[in-house]
């Protein structure tokens, strides 16, 4: 079983910065990709940023140039700069992994709230 634990959310003023972290633990046979999704109030969950095991990154257009995803061993970080009220959401850590039989599974953290407000 894989566990994902997020931290770093909170309240920040517009223009401010936050850094989210996600720590993965458990039996990960083959890590495929890991990153962040978010769910704004009243909206569906959406991609924020991901990074593959080979280092390829993917960002939502709305965060390009402001957010940066990075990795260190089994941790992933999301540096969020120039935050705006529309970035307010619950941010979920996401991990996709494969097992020895070739099946792929998606795992989610419990989420951390990010609120951007003056």
Protein backbone atom coordinates (compact mmCIF):
# COMPACT_ATOMS: atom_id res chain seq x y z
CA UNK A 1 0.00 0.00 0.00
CA UNK A 2 1.20 3.50 -0.85
CA UNK A 3 0.68 6.48 1.43
CA UNK A 4 0.95 10.13 0.43
CA UNK A 5 1.20 12.86 3.05
CA UNK A 6 0.92 16.51 2.06
CA UNK A 7 1.96 19.55 4.03
CA UNK A 8 2.49 23.25 3.56
CA UNK A 9 -0.97 24.62 2.85
CA UNK A 10 -2.40 27.69 4.53
CA UNK A 11 -3.65 31.23 4.14
CA UNK A 12 -1.63 33.70 2.09
CA UNK A 13 -2.24 37.15 0.68
CA UNK A 14 -2.42 37.75 -3.08
CA UNK A 15 1.07 37.92 -4.52
CA UNK A 16 2.47 35.73 -1.78
CA UNK A 17 4.16 32.34 -1.91
CA UNK A 18 3.72 28.90 -0.42
CA UNK A 19 5.56 25.63 -0.78
CA UNK A 20 3.72 22.34 -0.66
CA UNK A 21 5.44 19.05 -0.01
CA UNK A 22 4.33 15.48 -0.52
CA UNK A 23 6.04 12.48 1.00
CA UNK A 24 5.42 9.04 -0.45
CA UNK A 25 5.90 5.83 1.46
CA UNK A 26 5.03 2.19 1.05
CA UNK A 27 5.63 -0.41 -1.61
CA UNK A 28 6.31 1.43 -4.88
CA UNK A 29 7.54 -1.01 -7.52
CA UNK A 30 7.76 1.40 -10.43
CA UNK A 31 7.09 5.10 -10.03
CA UNK A 32 5.63 6.56 -13.22
CA UNK A 33 4.62 10.09 -12.31
CA UNK A 34 3.96 12.17 -9.22
CA UNK A 35 2.59 15.62 -8.72
CA UNK A 36 -0.30 17.83 -7.75
CA UNK A 37 -3.93 18.34 -8.62
CA UNK A 38 -6.30 20.86 -7.08
CA UNK A 39 -10.04 21.26 -6.59
CA UNK A 40 -11.33 24.84 -6.35
CA UNK A 41 -14.60 25.42 -4.46
CA UNK A 42 -17.54 24.19 -6.52
CA UNK A 43 -15.35 22.94 -9.36
CA UNK A 44 -13.84 19.69 -10.54
CA UNK A 45 -10.38 18.49 -9.70
CA UNK A 46 -7.77 19.73 -12.17
CA UNK A 47 -4.14 19.17 -12.99
CA UNK A 48 -1.61 21.57 -11.49
CA UNK A 49 1.78 20.01 -12.19
CA UNK A 50 3.36 16.60 -12.50
CA UNK A 51 6.84 15.21 -12.98
CA UNK A 52 7.67 11.79 -14.38
CA UNK A 53 10.35 9.44 -13.07
CA UNK A 54 12.60 10.64 -15.89
CA UNK A 55 12.12 14.27 -14.93
CA UNK A 56 9.62 15.43 -17.56
CA UNK A 57 7.34 18.10 -16.14
CA UNK A 58 3.82 19.09 -17.11
CA UNK A 59 2.07 22.24 -15.93
CA UNK A 60 -1.42 23.61 -16.26
CA UNK A 61 -1.40 26.75 -18.39
CA UNK A 62 -2.82 28.76 -15.50
CA UNK A 63 0.24 28.13 -13.33
CA UNK A 64 3.07 28.20 -15.86
CA UNK A 65 5.73 30.69 -14.84
CA UNK A 66 4.41 30.90 -11.29
CA UNK A 67 4.56 27.34 -9.93
CA UNK A 68 7.53 25.00 -9.96
CA UNK A 69 7.48 21.30 -9.21
CA UNK A 70 10.64 19.62 -7.95
CA UNK A 71 11.63 16.27 -6.56
CA UNK A 72 14.00 14.90 -3.96
CA UNK A 73 14.00 11.15 -3.48
CA UNK A 74 10.46 10.14 -2.52
CA UNK A 75 9.32 13.72 -1.95
CA UNK A 76 7.80 16.18 -4.36
CA UNK A 77 7.59 19.90 -3.79
CA UNK A 78 5.38 22.54 -5.36
CA UNK A 79 6.73 26.06 -5.05
CA UNK A 80 3.86 28.47 -5.66
CA UNK A 81 4.69 32.12 -6.29
CA UNK A 82 2.53 35.11 -7.23
CA UNK A 83 -0.51 33.40 -5.78
CA UNK A 84 -3.90 34.75 -6.76
CA UNK A 85 -7.38 34.26 -5.30
CA UNK A 86 -8.21 31.87 -8.16
CA UNK A 87 -5.49 29.55 -6.85
CA UNK A 88 -7.63 28.91 -3.78
CA UNK A 89 -8.34 25.19 -3.68
CA UNK A 90 -7.67 21.94 -1.93
CA UNK A 91 -4.39 20.64 -3.32
CA UNK A 92 -3.97 16.89 -3.65
CA UNK A 93 -0.77 14.96 -4.06
CA UNK A 94 -0.99 12.36 -6.81
CA UNK A 95 1.16 9.35 -7.62
CA UNK A 96 0.89 6.84 -10.44
CA UNK A 97 2.84 3.62 -10.14
CA UNK A 98 3.12 0.25 -11.81
CA UNK A 99 3.44 -3.16 -10.24
CA UNK A 100 5.48 -6.20 -11.30
CA UNK A 101 2.59 -7.48 -13.47
CA UNK A 102 2.41 -4.29 -15.50
CA UNK A 103 -0.74 -2.90 -13.93
CA UNK A 104 -0.85 0.79 -13.07
CA UNK A 105 -2.46 2.38 -10.04
CA UNK A 106 -3.22 5.94 -8.98
CA UNK A 107 -2.90 7.11 -5.40
CA UNK A 108 -4.10 10.32 -3.78
CA UNK A 109 -3.25 12.20 -0.62
CA UNK A 110 -5.94 13.57 1.66
CA UNK A 111 -5.41 17.12 0.45
CA UNK A 112 -4.20 20.38 1.93
CA UNK A 113 -6.11 23.66 1.80
CA UNK A 114 -4.58 26.68 0.12
CA UNK A 115 -6.47 29.96 0.55
CA UNK A 116 -5.37 33.15 -1.17
CA UNK A 117 -7.15 36.15 0.29
CA UNK A 118 -6.47 39.62 1.60
